[in-house]
């Protein structure tokens, strides 16, 4: 065998091996870049969700405090309603009741009589309906 043939064969083998190694490293580099992009995207999504959830928690706490304050106000109102003065006021004003040793006077306002013009219009409408039938 010739020395140049042997050198060429070894160079060809070395070139093939170098090409395989380059391909392998390129493939690994692409896979790692894809992994880094995925990790970055996931981290971004987690951070935005975390911020969103913290905002929602803050709103819910504020709503809870408002509901608690409204509940306290309604409890106080219920206590006031169940007191004797409140029950007496309801009985006097709405139910037209009087207390012991009291006289209740109710003044009714007279109802306004139906105007004759309106009555005539109603009569005319009734006649027209009965004639059409």
C-alpha atoms as a PDB file:
ATOM      1  CA  UNK A   1       0.000   0.000   0.000  1.00  0.00           C
ATOM      2  CA  UNK A   2       0.927   3.507  -0.694  1.00  0.00           C
ATOM      3  CA  UNK A   3       1.473   6.026   1.953  1.00  0.00           C
ATOM      4  CA  UNK A   4      -0.685   8.640   0.196  1.00  0.00           C
ATOM      5  CA  UNK A   5      -3.585   6.158  -0.048  1.00  0.00           C
ATOM      6  CA  UNK A   6      -3.343   5.389   3.625  1.00  0.00           C
ATOM      7  CA  UNK A   7      -3.197   9.090   4.519  1.00  0.00           C
ATOM      8  CA  UNK A   8      -6.236   9.791   2.347  1.00  0.00           C
ATOM      9  CA  UNK A   9      -8.189   6.950   3.942  1.00  0.00           C
ATOM     10  CA  UNK A  10      -7.398   8.115   7.442  1.00  0.00           C
ATOM     11  CA  UNK A  11      -8.268  11.698   6.519  1.00  0.00           C
ATOM     12  CA  UNK A  12     -11.561  10.494   5.031  1.00  0.00           C
ATOM     13  CA  UNK A  13     -12.339   8.559   8.245  1.00  0.00           C
ATOM     14  CA  UNK A  14     -11.397  11.589  10.350  1.00  0.00           C
ATOM     15  CA  UNK A  15     -13.610  13.834   8.208  1.00  0.00           C
ATOM     16  CA  UNK A  16     -16.548  11.431   8.576  1.00  0.00           C
ATOM     17  CA  UNK A  17     -16.025  11.287  12.336  1.00  0.00           C
ATOM     18  CA  UNK A  18     -15.759  15.092  12.526  1.00  0.00           C
ATOM     19  CA  UNK A  19     -18.966  15.446  10.485  1.00  0.00           C
ATOM     20  CA  UNK A  20     -20.771  13.011  12.789  1.00  0.00           C
ATOM     21  CA  UNK A  21     -19.538  14.901  15.857  1.00  0.00           C
ATOM     22  CA  UNK A  22     -20.574  18.259  14.325  1.00  0.00           C
ATOM     23  CA  UNK A  23     -24.028  16.870  13.524  1.00  0.00           C
ATOM     24  CA  UNK A  24     -24.351  15.467  17.055  1.00  0.00           C
ATOM     25  CA  UNK A  25     -23.309  18.774  18.670  1.00  0.00           C
ATOM     26  CA  UNK A  26     -25.612  20.744  16.360  1.00  0.00           C
ATOM     27  CA  UNK A  27     -28.517  18.450  17.228  1.00  0.00           C
ATOM     28  CA  UNK A  28     -27.816  18.789  20.961  1.00  0.00           C
ATOM     29  CA  UNK A  29     -27.548  22.569  20.619  1.00  0.00           C
ATOM     30  CA  UNK A  30     -30.945  22.757  18.893  1.00  0.00           C
ATOM     31  CA  UNK A  31     -32.540  20.509  21.544  1.00  0.00           C
ATOM     32  CA  UNK A  32     -31.077  22.629  24.339  1.00  0.00           C
ATOM     33  CA  UNK A  33     -32.299  25.844  22.706  1.00  0.00           C
ATOM     34  CA  UNK A  34     -35.795  24.392  22.409  1.00  0.00           C
ATOM     35  CA  UNK A  35     -35.663  23.412  26.091  1.00  0.00           C
ATOM     36  CA  UNK A  36     -34.511  26.910  27.078  1.00  0.00           C
ATOM     37  CA  UNK A  37     -37.336  28.510  25.064  1.00  0.00           C
ATOM     38  CA  UNK A  38     -39.858  26.167  26.712  1.00  0.00           C
ATOM     39  CA  UNK A  39     -38.514  26.951  30.182  1.00  0.00           C
ATOM     40  CA  UNK A  40     -38.647  30.685  29.487  1.00  0.00           C
ATOM     41  CA  UNK A  41     -42.198  30.488  28.141  1.00  0.00           C
ATOM     42  CA  UNK A  42     -43.335  28.430  31.150  1.00  0.00           C
ATOM     43  CA  UNK A  43     -41.683  30.834  33.592  1.00  0.00           C
ATOM     44  CA  UNK A  44     -43.372  33.802  31.893  1.00  0.00           C
ATOM     45  CA  UNK A  45     -46.791  32.096  32.059  1.00  0.00           C
ATOM     46  CA  UNK A  46     -46.323  31.211  35.724  1.00  0.00           C
ATOM     47  CA  UNK A  47     -45.322  34.750  36.635  1.00  0.00           C
ATOM     48  CA  UNK A  48     -48.292  36.295  34.806  1.00  0.00           C
ATOM     49  CA  UNK A  49     -50.706  33.808  36.392  1.00  0.00           C
ATOM     50  CA  UNK A  50     -49.227  34.506  39.804  1.00  0.00           C
ATOM     51  CA  UNK A  51     -49.689  38.250  39.345  1.00  0.00           C
ATOM     52  CA  UNK A  52     -53.250  37.703  38.112  1.00  0.00           C
ATOM     53  CA  UNK A  53     -54.125  35.470  41.055  1.00  0.00           C
ATOM     54  CA  UNK A  54     -52.673  37.944  43.546  1.00  0.00           C
ATOM     55  CA  UNK A  55     -54.887  40.642  42.036  1.00  0.00           C
ATOM     56  CA  UNK A  56     -57.934  38.391  42.258  1.00  0.00           C
ATOM     57  CA  UNK A  57     -57.130  37.521  45.870  1.00  0.00           C
ATOM     58  CA  UNK A  58     -56.867  41.223  46.692  1.00  0.00           C
ATOM     59  CA  UNK A  59     -60.259  41.923  45.075  1.00  0.00           C
ATOM     60  CA  UNK A  60     -61.857  38.987  46.898  1.00  0.00           C
ATOM     61  CA  UNK A  61     -60.498  40.173  50.238  1.00  0.00           C
ATOM     62  CA  UNK A  62     -61.899  43.651  49.610  1.00  0.00           C
ATOM     63  CA  UNK A  63     -65.252  42.134  48.622  1.00  0.00           C
ATOM     64  CA  UNK A  64     -65.177  39.966  51.748  1.00  0.00           C
ATOM     65  CA  UNK A  65     -64.570  43.025  53.922  1.00  0.00           C
ATOM     66  CA  UNK A  66     -67.452  44.862  52.248  1.00  0.00           C
ATOM     67  CA  UNK A  67     -69.751  41.876  52.771  1.00  0.00           C
ATOM     68  CA  UNK A  68     -68.669  41.637  56.405  1.00  0.00           C
ATOM     69  CA  UNK A  69     -69.375  45.351  56.946  1.00  0.00           C
ATOM     70  CA  UNK A  70     -72.789  44.996  55.229  1.00  0.00           C
ATOM     71  CA  UNK A  71     -73.539  41.962  57.394  1.00  0.00           C
ATOM     72  CA  UNK A  72     -72.681  43.908  60.567  1.00  0.00           C
ATOM     73  CA  UNK A  73     -74.875  46.808  59.433  1.00  0.00           C
ATOM     74  CA  UNK A  74     -77.776  44.451  58.758  1.00  0.00           C
ATOM     75  CA  UNK A  75     -77.341  42.795  62.166  1.00  0.00           C
ATOM     76  CA  UNK A  76     -77.486  46.197  63.842  1.00  0.00           C
ATOM     77  CA  UNK A  77     -80.559  47.075  61.775  1.00  0.00           C
ATOM     78  CA  UNK A  78     -82.196  43.809  62.807  1.00  0.00           C
ATOM     79  CA  UNK A  79     -81.510  44.563  66.460  1.00  0.00           C
ATOM     80  CA  UNK A  80     -83.023  48.029  66.020  1.00  0.00           C
ATOM     81  CA  UNK A  81     -86.017  46.534  64.237  1.00  0.00           C
ATOM     82  CA  UNK A  82     -86.688  44.056  66.992  1.00  0.00           C
ATOM     83  CA  UNK A  83     -86.640  46.720  69.698  1.00  0.00           C
ATOM     84  CA  UNK A  84     -89.954  47.828  71.188  1.00  0.00           C
ATOM     85  CA  UNK A  85     -89.720  51.391  69.863  1.00  0.00           C
ATOM     86  CA  UNK A  86     -89.287  50.128  66.341  1.00  0.00           C
ATOM     87  CA  UNK A  87     -92.174  47.678  66.626  1.00  0.00           C
ATOM     88  CA  UNK A  88     -94.351  50.430  68.066  1.00  0.00           C
ATOM     89  CA  UNK A  89     -93.455  52.793  65.225  1.00  0.00           C
ATOM     90  CA  UNK A  90     -94.351  50.135  62.655  1.00  0.00           C
ATOM     91  CA  UNK A  91     -97.641  49.435  64.402  1.00  0.00           C
ATOM     92  CA  UNK A  92     -98.541  53.131  64.542  1.00  0.00           C
ATOM     93  CA  UNK A  93     -97.550  54.117  61.035  1.00  0.00           C
ATOM     94  CA  UNK A  94     -98.208  51.080  58.877  1.00  0.00           C
ATOM     95  CA  UNK A  95    -100.858  49.146  60.757  1.00  0.00           C
ATOM     96  CA  UNK A  96    -102.769  52.202  62.076  1.00  0.00           C
ATOM     97  CA  UNK A  97    -102.717  50.960  65.658  1.00  0.00           C
ATOM     98  CA  UNK A  98    -102.809  53.043  68.810  1.00  0.00           C
ATOM     99  CA  UNK A  99    -101.188  52.508  72.166  1.00  0.00           C
ATOM    100  CA  UNK A 100    -102.950  52.103  75.487  1.00  0.00           C
ATOM    101  CA  UNK A 101    -104.911  55.181  76.608  1.00  0.00           C
ATOM    102  CA  UNK A 102    -104.628  56.667  73.097  1.00  0.00           C
ATOM    103  CA  UNK A 103    -107.264  57.495  70.533  1.00  0.00           C
ATOM    104  CA  UNK A 104    -106.491  57.035  66.842  1.00  0.00           C
ATOM    105  CA  UNK A 105    -108.010  59.534  64.444  1.00  0.00           C
ATOM    106  CA  UNK A 106    -107.813  58.746  60.729  1.00  0.00           C
ATOM    107  CA  UNK A 107    -108.662  61.484  58.280  1.00  0.00           C
ATOM    108  CA  UNK A 108    -109.582  60.219  54.821  1.00  0.00           C
ATOM    109  CA  UNK A 109    -109.154  62.528  51.876  1.00  0.00           C
ATOM    110  CA  UNK A 110    -112.230  62.649  49.624  1.00  0.00           C
ATOM    111  CA  UNK A 111    -111.771  61.001  46.257  1.00  0.00           C
ATOM    112  CA  UNK A 112    -111.922  63.264  43.256  1.00  0.00           C
ATOM    113  CA  UNK A 113    -115.025  62.666  41.128  1.00  0.00           C
ATOM    114  CA  UNK A 114    -114.443  61.351  37.626  1.00  0.00           C
ATOM    115  CA  UNK A 115    -114.648  64.204  35.179  1.00  0.00           C
ATOM    116  CA  UNK A 116    -117.624  64.174  32.828  1.00  0.00           C
ATOM    117  CA  UNK A 117    -115.383  64.436  29.779  1.00  0.00           C
ATOM    118  CA  UNK A 118    -113.586  61.216  30.634  1.00  0.00           C
ATOM    119  CA  UNK A 119    -116.914  59.524  31.327  1.00  0.00           C
ATOM    120  CA  UNK A 120    -118.284  60.624  27.935  1.00  0.00           C
ATOM    121  CA  UNK A 121    -115.176  59.287  26.133  1.00  0.00           C
ATOM    122  CA  UNK A 122    -115.549  55.935  27.880  1.00  0.00           C
ATOM    123  CA  UNK A 123    -119.227  55.736  26.918  1.00  0.00           C
ATOM    124  CA  UNK A 124    -118.429  56.549  23.267  1.00  0.00           C
ATOM    125  CA  UNK A 125    -115.711  53.848  23.186  1.00  0.00           C
ATOM    126  CA  UNK A 126    -118.151  51.299  24.628  1.00  0.00           C
ATOM    127  CA  UNK A 127    -120.777  52.167  22.020  1.00  0.00           C
ATOM    128  CA  UNK A 128    -118.281  51.884  19.174  1.00  0.00           C
ATOM    129  CA  UNK A 129    -117.143  48.479  20.382  1.00  0.00           C
ATOM    130  CA  UNK A 130    -120.700  47.189  20.703  1.00  0.00           C
ATOM    131  CA  UNK A 131    -121.610  48.464  17.194  1.00  0.00           C
ATOM    132  CA  UNK A 132    -118.602  46.732  15.627  1.00  0.00           C
ATOM    133  CA  UNK A 133    -119.617  43.402  17.116  1.00  0.00           C
END
